[in-house]
Amino acid sequence: MQTPAESILHSGYFHPTLRYWQTCIADLRPDNLIYPIFVTDGADAVEPIGSLPGQARYGVNKLEGMLRPLVDNGLKCVLIFGADIIITYYTPQLLTWLKE
């Protein structure tokens, strides 16, 4: 008979930001926010989104320039919207930029 585990470490706890989100602290800080990124297939494109003032769809060549100031100011998490092939191909490069 196998004894039950005293605790289970969920895969969502591998990163400090994810561990923080799992705490019971109920404050609103920049660490709690997820920034949406909209990606388009034009590599150098910047296409304003009329229904989302201040937001645009960015080509992959414009992403680092758009994200760098946000990361430097404490951005910890992004949510990527775009074509699957773009996200699959460029996510490793994006993750490298965000880790720096």
N, C-alpha and C. Protein backbone atom coordinates (compact mmCIF):
# COMPACT_ATOMS: atom_id res chain seq x y z
N MET A 1 0.85 -1.18 0.00
CA MET A 1 0.00 0.00 0.00
C MET A 1 0.89 1.24 0.00
N GLN A 2 0.59 2.16 -0.91
CA GLN A 2 1.38 3.39 -1.03
C GLN A 2 0.80 4.46 -0.13
N THR A 3 1.67 5.15 0.60
CA THR A 3 1.20 6.23 1.46
C THR A 3 0.98 7.49 0.63
N PRO A 4 -0.07 8.24 0.93
CA PRO A 4 -0.35 9.46 0.16
C PRO A 4 0.73 10.52 0.40
N ALA A 5 0.99 11.30 -0.61
CA ALA A 5 1.97 12.38 -0.50
C ALA A 5 1.46 13.44 0.46
N GLU A 6 2.38 14.01 1.25
CA GLU A 6 2.00 15.08 2.16
C GLU A 6 1.68 16.36 1.40
N SER A 7 2.35 16.57 0.29
CA SER A 7 2.06 17.72 -0.55
C SER A 7 2.47 17.40 -1.97
N ILE A 8 1.86 18.09 -2.88
CA ILE A 8 2.15 17.88 -4.29
C ILE A 8 2.59 19.21 -4.88
N LEU A 9 3.73 19.23 -5.53
CA LEU A 9 4.23 20.44 -6.15
C LEU A 9 3.67 20.50 -7.57
N HIS A 10 2.77 21.45 -7.79
CA HIS A 10 2.13 21.61 -9.08
C HIS A 10 3.10 22.24 -10.07
N SER A 11 2.98 21.90 -11.34
CA SER A 11 3.89 22.42 -12.36
C SER A 11 3.82 23.94 -12.48
N GLY A 12 2.75 24.55 -12.02
CA GLY A 12 2.60 25.99 -12.06
C GLY A 12 3.48 26.71 -11.06
N TYR A 13 4.18 26.00 -10.19
CA TYR A 13 4.99 26.62 -9.16
C TYR A 13 6.48 26.70 -9.52
N PHE A 14 6.84 26.43 -10.76
CA PHE A 14 8.25 26.37 -11.13
C PHE A 14 8.90 27.73 -11.25
N HIS A 15 8.12 28.81 -11.33
CA HIS A 15 8.66 30.15 -11.52
C HIS A 15 8.21 31.05 -10.36
N PRO A 16 9.08 31.94 -9.89
CA PRO A 16 8.73 32.80 -8.75
C PRO A 16 7.44 33.59 -8.95
N THR A 17 7.18 34.09 -10.16
CA THR A 17 5.95 34.84 -10.41
C THR A 17 4.74 33.94 -10.24
N LEU A 18 4.80 32.73 -10.78
CA LEU A 18 3.67 31.81 -10.64
C LEU A 18 3.46 31.40 -9.19
N ARG A 19 4.54 31.22 -8.45
CA ARG A 19 4.41 30.89 -7.02
C ARG A 19 3.75 32.05 -6.28
N TYR A 20 4.12 33.27 -6.61
CA TYR A 20 3.53 34.44 -5.96
C TYR A 20 2.03 34.50 -6.23
N TRP A 21 1.62 34.23 -7.48
CA TRP A 21 0.21 34.26 -7.82
C TRP A 21 -0.59 33.22 -7.04
N GLN A 22 0.05 32.16 -6.59
CA GLN A 22 -0.64 31.11 -5.87
C GLN A 22 -0.79 31.40 -4.37
N THR A 23 -0.19 32.48 -3.90
CA THR A 23 -0.29 32.82 -2.48
C THR A 23 -1.66 33.42 -2.18
N CYS A 24 -1.94 33.60 -0.92
CA CYS A 24 -3.22 34.16 -0.49
C CYS A 24 -3.20 35.69 -0.42
N ILE A 25 -2.11 36.29 -0.80
CA ILE A 25 -2.01 37.75 -0.74
C ILE A 25 -2.97 38.34 -1.77
N ALA A 26 -3.79 39.28 -1.35
CA ALA A 26 -4.81 39.85 -2.22
C ALA A 26 -4.56 41.33 -2.49
N ASP A 27 -3.38 41.66 -2.96
CA ASP A 27 -3.10 43.05 -3.32
C ASP A 27 -2.93 43.15 -4.83
N LEU A 28 -3.03 44.36 -5.35
CA LEU A 28 -2.89 44.58 -6.77
C LEU A 28 -1.59 45.31 -7.03
N ARG A 29 -0.68 44.62 -7.68
CA ARG A 29 0.64 45.17 -7.98
C ARG A 29 0.99 44.84 -9.42
N PRO A 30 2.02 45.47 -9.96
CA PRO A 30 2.41 45.13 -11.33
C PRO A 30 2.71 43.64 -11.50
N ASP A 31 3.18 42.98 -10.44
CA ASP A 31 3.47 41.54 -10.52
C ASP A 31 2.22 40.71 -10.79
N ASN A 32 1.02 41.26 -10.51
CA ASN A 32 -0.22 40.53 -10.70
C ASN A 32 -0.77 40.65 -12.12
N LEU A 33 -0.18 41.50 -12.93
CA LEU A 33 -0.77 41.82 -14.22
C LEU A 33 -0.16 41.00 -15.36
N ILE A 34 -1.00 40.73 -16.34
CA ILE A 34 -0.57 40.04 -17.56
C ILE A 34 -0.81 41.01 -18.71
N TYR A 35 0.22 41.27 -19.51
CA TYR A 35 0.12 42.21 -20.62
C TYR A 35 -0.20 41.46 -21.90
N PRO A 36 -1.26 41.91 -22.62
CA PRO A 36 -1.59 41.22 -23.87
C PRO A 36 -0.69 41.70 -25.01
N ILE A 37 -0.21 40.76 -25.80
CA ILE A 37 0.57 41.08 -26.98
C ILE A 37 -0.16 40.51 -28.19
N PHE A 38 -0.40 41.36 -29.16
CA PHE A 38 -1.08 40.94 -30.37
C PHE A 38 -0.05 40.92 -31.50
N VAL A 39 0.11 39.76 -32.13
CA VAL A 39 1.14 39.57 -33.15
C VAL A 39 0.47 39.42 -34.51
N THR A 40 1.06 40.07 -35.50
CA THR A 40 0.58 39.96 -36.87
C THR A 40 1.67 39.33 -37.74
N ASP A 41 1.30 38.89 -38.92
CA ASP A 41 2.26 38.19 -39.75
C ASP A 41 3.18 39.10 -40.56
N GLY A 42 2.96 40.40 -40.58
CA GLY A 42 3.88 41.33 -41.23
C GLY A 42 5.06 41.59 -40.29
N ALA A 43 6.25 41.16 -40.65
CA ALA A 43 7.41 41.18 -39.74
C ALA A 43 7.71 42.56 -39.16
N ASP A 44 7.50 43.63 -39.93
CA ASP A 44 7.81 44.98 -39.46
C ASP A 44 6.56 45.82 -39.21
N ALA A 45 5.41 45.18 -39.13
CA ALA A 45 4.14 45.88 -39.01
C ALA A 45 3.87 46.38 -37.60
N VAL A 46 3.20 47.51 -37.53
CA VAL A 46 2.58 48.02 -36.30
C VAL A 46 1.20 48.49 -36.73
N GLU A 47 0.17 47.72 -36.36
CA GLU A 47 -1.19 47.97 -36.79
C GLU A 47 -2.05 48.34 -35.58
N PRO A 48 -2.41 49.62 -35.41
CA PRO A 48 -3.26 50.00 -34.27
C PRO A 48 -4.57 49.22 -34.27
N ILE A 49 -5.04 48.88 -33.07
CA ILE A 49 -6.31 48.17 -32.90
C ILE A 49 -7.33 49.20 -32.44
N GLY A 50 -8.27 49.54 -33.32
CA GLY A 50 -9.23 50.60 -33.05
C GLY A 50 -10.07 50.39 -31.80
N SER A 51 -10.44 49.17 -31.52
CA SER A 51 -11.30 48.88 -30.36
C SER A 51 -10.51 48.80 -29.05
N LEU A 52 -9.18 48.85 -29.12
CA LEU A 52 -8.33 48.81 -27.92
C LEU A 52 -7.34 49.98 -27.98
N PRO A 53 -7.77 51.15 -27.53
CA PRO A 53 -6.90 52.33 -27.61
C PRO A 53 -5.54 52.07 -26.94
N GLY A 54 -4.48 52.46 -27.63
CA GLY A 54 -3.14 52.28 -27.10
C GLY A 54 -2.54 50.91 -27.39
N GLN A 55 -3.31 50.02 -28.00
CA GLN A 55 -2.82 48.68 -28.33
C GLN A 55 -2.66 48.56 -29.84
N ALA A 56 -1.74 47.70 -30.24
CA ALA A 56 -1.52 47.46 -31.67
C ALA A 56 -1.10 46.01 -31.87
N ARG A 57 -1.22 45.56 -33.12
CA ARG A 57 -0.66 44.28 -33.52
C ARG A 57 0.75 44.56 -33.99
N TYR A 58 1.71 43.78 -33.51
CA TYR A 58 3.11 44.00 -33.83
C TYR A 58 3.67 42.84 -34.62
N GLY A 59 4.51 43.17 -35.59
CA GLY A 59 5.28 42.16 -36.30
C GLY A 59 6.41 41.70 -35.41
N VAL A 60 6.95 40.54 -35.70
CA VAL A 60 7.97 39.95 -34.83
C VAL A 60 9.22 40.82 -34.71
N ASN A 61 9.53 41.61 -35.75
CA ASN A 61 10.70 42.47 -35.68
C ASN A 61 10.48 43.69 -34.78
N LYS A 62 9.25 43.96 -34.40
CA LYS A 62 8.92 45.11 -33.56
C LYS A 62 8.66 44.73 -32.10
N LEU A 63 8.57 43.43 -31.81
CA LEU A 63 8.20 43.00 -30.47
C LEU A 63 9.20 43.39 -29.39
N GLU A 64 10.47 43.15 -29.62
CA GLU A 64 11.45 43.45 -28.57
C GLU A 64 11.47 44.95 -28.26
N GLY A 65 11.44 45.79 -29.28
CA GLY A 65 11.42 47.24 -29.05
C GLY A 65 10.20 47.69 -28.26
N MET A 66 9.06 47.05 -28.49
CA MET A 66 7.84 47.38 -27.76
C MET A 66 7.88 46.84 -26.33
N LEU A 67 8.42 45.63 -26.17
CA LEU A 67 8.42 44.98 -24.85
C LEU A 67 9.54 45.42 -23.92
N ARG A 68 10.69 45.76 -24.46
CA ARG A 68 11.86 46.05 -23.62
C ARG A 68 11.57 47.08 -22.53
N PRO A 69 10.95 48.24 -22.84
CA PRO A 69 10.67 49.21 -21.77
C PRO A 69 9.71 48.66 -20.71
N LEU A 70 8.76 47.84 -21.13
CA LEU A 70 7.80 47.27 -20.17
C LEU A 70 8.49 46.28 -19.24
N VAL A 71 9.36 45.45 -19.80
CA VAL A 71 10.11 44.48 -18.99
C VAL A 71 11.05 45.23 -18.04
N ASP A 72 11.70 46.27 -18.53
CA ASP A 72 12.59 47.07 -17.69
C ASP A 72 11.85 47.72 -16.53
N ASN A 73 10.54 47.98 -16.72
CA ASN A 73 9.71 48.57 -15.66
C ASN A 73 9.02 47.53 -14.79
N GLY A 74 9.36 46.25 -14.98
CA GLY A 74 8.85 45.22 -14.07
C GLY A 74 7.83 44.25 -14.64
N LEU A 75 7.51 44.34 -15.94
CA LEU A 75 6.57 43.39 -16.53
C LEU A 75 7.10 41.97 -16.36
N LYS A 76 6.25 41.07 -15.87
CA LYS A 76 6.67 39.70 -15.59
C LYS A 76 5.97 38.66 -16.46
N CYS A 77 4.83 39.02 -17.06
CA CYS A 77 4.06 38.00 -17.78
C CYS A 77 3.35 38.63 -18.98
N VAL A 78 3.33 37.90 -20.09
CA VAL A 78 2.61 38.33 -21.28
C VAL A 78 1.68 37.22 -21.74
N LEU A 79 0.64 37.61 -22.43
CA LEU A 79 -0.28 36.67 -23.06
C LEU A 79 -0.26 37.00 -24.55
N ILE A 80 0.11 36.04 -25.37
CA ILE A 80 0.32 36.28 -26.79
C ILE A 80 -0.92 35.86 -27.58
N PHE A 81 -1.40 36.79 -28.42
CA PHE A 81 -2.51 36.52 -29.33
C PHE A 81 -1.97 36.65 -30.75
N GLY A 82 -2.23 35.68 -31.59
CA GLY A 82 -1.78 35.76 -32.98
C GLY A 82 -1.89 34.42 -33.65
N ALA A 83 -1.38 34.38 -34.88
CA ALA A 83 -1.40 33.14 -35.65
C ALA A 83 -0.54 32.09 -34.96
N ASP A 84 -1.01 30.86 -34.92
CA ASP A 84 -0.30 29.77 -34.24
C ASP A 84 1.14 29.60 -34.72
N ILE A 85 1.35 29.70 -36.00
CA ILE A 85 2.70 29.48 -36.53
C ILE A 85 3.66 30.56 -36.03
N ILE A 86 3.19 31.79 -35.94
CA ILE A 86 4.02 32.89 -35.44
C ILE A 86 4.39 32.64 -33.99
N ILE A 87 3.40 32.31 -33.19
CA ILE A 87 3.63 32.09 -31.76
C ILE A 87 4.57 30.92 -31.54
N THR A 88 4.35 29.83 -32.24
CA THR A 88 5.19 28.65 -32.08
C THR A 88 6.64 28.94 -32.48
N TYR A 89 6.83 29.67 -33.54
CA TYR A 89 8.17 29.92 -34.06
C TYR A 89 8.93 30.94 -33.22
N TYR A 90 8.27 32.00 -32.77
CA TYR A 90 8.97 33.10 -32.12
C TYR A 90 8.92 33.08 -30.60
N THR A 91 8.13 32.23 -29.98
CA THR A 91 8.06 32.20 -28.53
C THR A 91 9.41 31.93 -27.87
N PRO A 92 10.24 31.00 -28.35
CA PRO A 92 11.55 30.82 -27.70
C PRO A 92 12.39 32.09 -27.71
N GLN A 93 12.37 32.83 -28.82
CA GLN A 93 13.12 34.09 -28.90
C GLN A 93 12.53 35.12 -27.94
N LEU A 94 11.22 35.20 -27.87
CA LEU A 94 10.55 36.13 -26.96
C LEU A 94 10.89 35.81 -25.52
N LEU A 95 10.90 34.54 -25.17
CA LEU A 95 11.23 34.14 -23.81
C LEU A 95 12.66 34.53 -23.46
N THR A 96 13.55 34.43 -24.42
CA THR A 96 14.94 34.83 -24.19
C THR A 96 15.01 36.32 -23.88
N TRP A 97 14.27 37.12 -24.62
CA TRP A 97 14.27 38.57 -24.37
C TRP A 97 13.73 38.88 -22.99
N LEU A 98 12.65 38.20 -22.60
CA LEU A 98 12.03 38.49 -21.31
C LEU A 98 12.91 38.04 -20.14
N LYS A 99 13.68 36.97 -20.30
CA LYS A 99 14.55 36.48 -19.23
C LYS A 99 15.72 37.42 -18.97
N GLU A 100 16.18 38.12 -20.02
CA GLU A 100 17.31 39.03 -19.86
C GLU A 100 16.91 40.14 -18.94
